[in-house]
Amino acid sequence: MNGKQESEKLLNSLLPIAHRMLSKYGEFYPYGGYVELGGQIRHVGVKDMTTEYPQSEHMIDTLEELFRKMAREHECRVTGIGAYQASWLQSKKRRHSSAA
């Protein structure tokens, strides 16, 4: 499997989680996933033990740091992070949500 195919496989495993969380809760905290050297997909979440409502930016930073470390140590082939973004469209006065 090439890098593009592995990336698509990872994305296809991460997106249903985002859709499920948006449907159920209307938002979600950042989470990630990676493809191991053997091709197995693993999902990853992080938790800030100091607060009940952590900042998404800090969670993304933690995931990025973890994935960089794993890549340096040749422990993964592909990584990805799912994050929620909400914005208000001023002209329509309605909320627009997306998962990336």
C-alpha atoms as a PDB file:
ATOM      1  CA  MET A   1       0.000   0.000   0.000  1.00  0.00           C
ATOM      2  CA  ASN A   2       1.431   3.412  -0.913  1.00  0.00           C
ATOM      3  CA  GLY A   3       1.384   6.558   1.253  1.00  0.00           C
ATOM      4  CA  LYS A   4      -1.708   8.003  -0.422  1.00  0.00           C
ATOM      5  CA  GLN A   5      -3.666   4.798   0.123  1.00  0.00           C
ATOM      6  CA  GLU A   6      -2.558   4.589   3.751  1.00  0.00           C
ATOM      7  CA  SER A   7      -3.526   8.233   4.298  1.00  0.00           C
ATOM      8  CA  GLU A   8      -6.967   7.608   2.817  1.00  0.00           C
ATOM      9  CA  LYS A   9      -7.396   4.480   4.954  1.00  0.00           C
ATOM     10  CA  LEU A  10      -6.533   6.485   8.079  1.00  0.00           C
ATOM     11  CA  LEU A  11      -8.825   9.353   7.080  1.00  0.00           C
ATOM     12  CA  ASN A  12     -11.668   6.914   6.432  1.00  0.00           C
ATOM     13  CA  SER A  13     -11.212   5.539   9.942  1.00  0.00           C
ATOM     14  CA  LEU A  14     -11.067   8.997  11.592  1.00  0.00           C
ATOM     15  CA  LEU A  15     -13.990  10.726   9.859  1.00  0.00           C
ATOM     16  CA  PRO A  16     -16.779   8.475  11.198  1.00  0.00           C
ATOM     17  CA  ILE A  17     -15.682   9.352  14.734  1.00  0.00           C
ATOM     18  CA  ALA A  18     -15.990  13.067  13.961  1.00  0.00           C
ATOM     19  CA  HIS A  19     -19.407  12.594  12.363  1.00  0.00           C
ATOM     20  CA  ARG A  20     -20.635  10.538  15.308  1.00  0.00           C
ATOM     21  CA  MET A  21     -19.414  13.084  17.857  1.00  0.00           C
ATOM     22  CA  LEU A  22     -20.888  16.019  15.915  1.00  0.00           C
ATOM     23  CA  SER A  23     -24.236  14.241  15.631  1.00  0.00           C
ATOM     24  CA  LYS A  24     -24.325  13.292  19.295  1.00  0.00           C
ATOM     25  CA  TYR A  25     -22.700  16.303  20.995  1.00  0.00           C
ATOM     26  CA  GLY A  26     -22.447  19.038  18.357  1.00  0.00           C
ATOM     27  CA  GLU A  27     -18.675  19.283  18.869  1.00  0.00           C
ATOM     28  CA  PHE A  28     -15.643  17.245  19.886  1.00  0.00           C
ATOM     29  CA  TYR A  29     -12.134  17.572  21.234  1.00  0.00           C
ATOM     30  CA  PRO A  30      -9.181  16.921  18.914  1.00  0.00           C
ATOM     31  CA  TYR A  31      -8.142  13.316  18.474  1.00  0.00           C
ATOM     32  CA  GLY A  32      -5.744  11.526  16.199  1.00  0.00           C
ATOM     33  CA  GLY A  33      -4.697   8.322  14.628  1.00  0.00           C
ATOM     34  CA  TYR A  34      -1.738   6.683  13.012  1.00  0.00           C
ATOM     35  CA  VAL A  35      -0.822   3.702  10.887  1.00  0.00           C
ATOM     36  CA  GLU A  36       1.699   1.375  12.494  1.00  0.00           C
ATOM     37  CA  LEU A  37       4.593  -0.032  10.491  1.00  0.00           C
ATOM     38  CA  GLY A  38       2.632  -3.274  10.062  1.00  0.00           C
ATOM     39  CA  GLY A  39      -0.386  -1.416   8.661  1.00  0.00           C
ATOM     40  CA  GLN A  40      -2.625  -1.497  11.767  1.00  0.00           C
ATOM     41  CA  ILE A  41      -4.596   1.703  12.490  1.00  0.00           C
ATOM     42  CA  ARG A  42      -4.546   3.094  16.021  1.00  0.00           C
ATOM     43  CA  HIS A  43      -6.709   5.944  17.339  1.00  0.00           C
ATOM     44  CA  VAL A  44      -5.315   8.321  19.959  1.00  0.00           C
ATOM     45  CA  GLY A  45      -6.858  10.810  22.349  1.00  0.00           C
ATOM     46  CA  VAL A  46      -5.251  13.071  24.914  1.00  0.00           C
ATOM     47  CA  LYS A  47      -6.525  14.265  28.257  1.00  0.00           C
ATOM     48  CA  ASP A  48      -5.536  17.306  30.280  1.00  0.00           C
ATOM     49  CA  MET A  49      -5.752  16.174  33.891  1.00  0.00           C
ATOM     50  CA  THR A  50      -5.596  19.778  35.162  1.00  0.00           C
ATOM     51  CA  THR A  51      -8.955  20.932  33.785  1.00  0.00           C
ATOM     52  CA  GLU A  52     -12.367  19.653  32.811  1.00  0.00           C
ATOM     53  CA  TYR A  53     -12.407  21.884  29.707  1.00  0.00           C
ATOM     54  CA  PRO A  54      -8.980  21.758  28.031  1.00  0.00           C
ATOM     55  CA  GLN A  55      -7.958  24.068  25.221  1.00  0.00           C
ATOM     56  CA  SER A  56      -8.127  22.355  21.834  1.00  0.00           C
ATOM     57  CA  GLU A  57      -4.921  24.069  20.737  1.00  0.00           C
ATOM     58  CA  HIS A  58      -3.000  22.422  23.585  1.00  0.00           C
ATOM     59  CA  MET A  59      -4.458  19.025  22.715  1.00  0.00           C
ATOM     60  CA  ILE A  60      -3.446  19.430  19.072  1.00  0.00           C
ATOM     61  CA  ASP A  61       0.064  20.469  20.149  1.00  0.00           C
ATOM     62  CA  THR A  62       0.307  17.344  22.313  1.00  0.00           C
ATOM     63  CA  LEU A  63      -0.846  15.094  19.463  1.00  0.00           C
ATOM     64  CA  GLU A  64       1.591  16.730  17.039  1.00  0.00           C
ATOM     65  CA  GLU A  65       4.440  16.275  19.513  1.00  0.00           C
ATOM     66  CA  LEU A  66       3.524  12.613  20.004  1.00  0.00           C
ATOM     67  CA  PHE A  67       3.317  11.955  16.263  1.00  0.00           C
ATOM     68  CA  ARG A  68       6.623  13.728  15.574  1.00  0.00           C
ATOM     69  CA  LYS A  69       8.308  11.597  18.235  1.00  0.00           C
ATOM     70  CA  MET A  70       6.796   8.433  16.768  1.00  0.00           C
ATOM     71  CA  ALA A  71       7.926   9.419  13.263  1.00  0.00           C
ATOM     72  CA  ARG A  72      11.487  10.174  14.459  1.00  0.00           C
ATOM     73  CA  GLU A  73      11.601   6.755  16.104  1.00  0.00           C
ATOM     74  CA  HIS A  74      10.127   5.067  13.001  1.00  0.00           C
ATOM     75  CA  GLU A  75       7.075   3.818  14.902  1.00  0.00           C
ATOM     76  CA  CYS A  76       4.440   4.923  12.391  1.00  0.00           C
ATOM     77  CA  ARG A  77       3.913   5.412   8.682  1.00  0.00           C
ATOM     78  CA  VAL A  78       1.036   7.913   8.529  1.00  0.00           C
ATOM     79  CA  THR A  79      -0.559  10.196  11.151  1.00  0.00           C
ATOM     80  CA  GLY A  80      -3.652  12.364  11.237  1.00  0.00           C
ATOM     81  CA  ILE A  81      -5.493  14.704  13.610  1.00  0.00           C
ATOM     82  CA  GLY A  82      -9.224  15.349  13.687  1.00  0.00           C
ATOM     83  CA  ALA A  83     -10.284  18.739  15.009  1.00  0.00           C
ATOM     84  CA  TYR A  84     -13.581  20.602  15.257  1.00  0.00           C
ATOM     85  CA  GLN A  85     -14.013  24.153  14.025  1.00  0.00           C
ATOM     86  CA  ALA A  86     -17.169  26.216  14.363  1.00  0.00           C
ATOM     87  CA  SER A  87     -17.693  29.621  12.866  1.00  0.00           C
ATOM     88  CA  TRP A  88     -20.593  31.974  12.466  1.00  0.00           C
ATOM     89  CA  LEU A  89     -21.492  33.139   8.983  1.00  0.00           C
ATOM     90  CA  GLN A  90     -22.280  36.805   9.496  1.00  0.00           C
ATOM     91  CA  SER A  91     -24.426  37.227   6.402  1.00  0.00           C
ATOM     92  CA  LYS A  92     -26.670  34.274   7.250  1.00  0.00           C
ATOM     93  CA  LYS A  93     -26.401  34.453  11.075  1.00  0.00           C
ATOM     94  CA  ARG A  94     -26.038  30.703  11.252  1.00  0.00           C
ATOM     95  CA  ARG A  95     -23.439  28.365  12.567  1.00  0.00           C
ATOM     96  CA  HIS A  96     -21.239  26.336  10.253  1.00  0.00           C
ATOM     97  CA  SER A  97     -19.373  23.311  11.571  1.00  0.00           C
ATOM     98  CA  SER A  98     -16.634  21.272  10.027  1.00  0.00           C
ATOM     99  CA  ALA A  99     -14.337  18.459  10.931  1.00  0.00           C
ATOM    100  CA  ALA A 100     -10.792  18.411   9.607  1.00  0.00           C
END
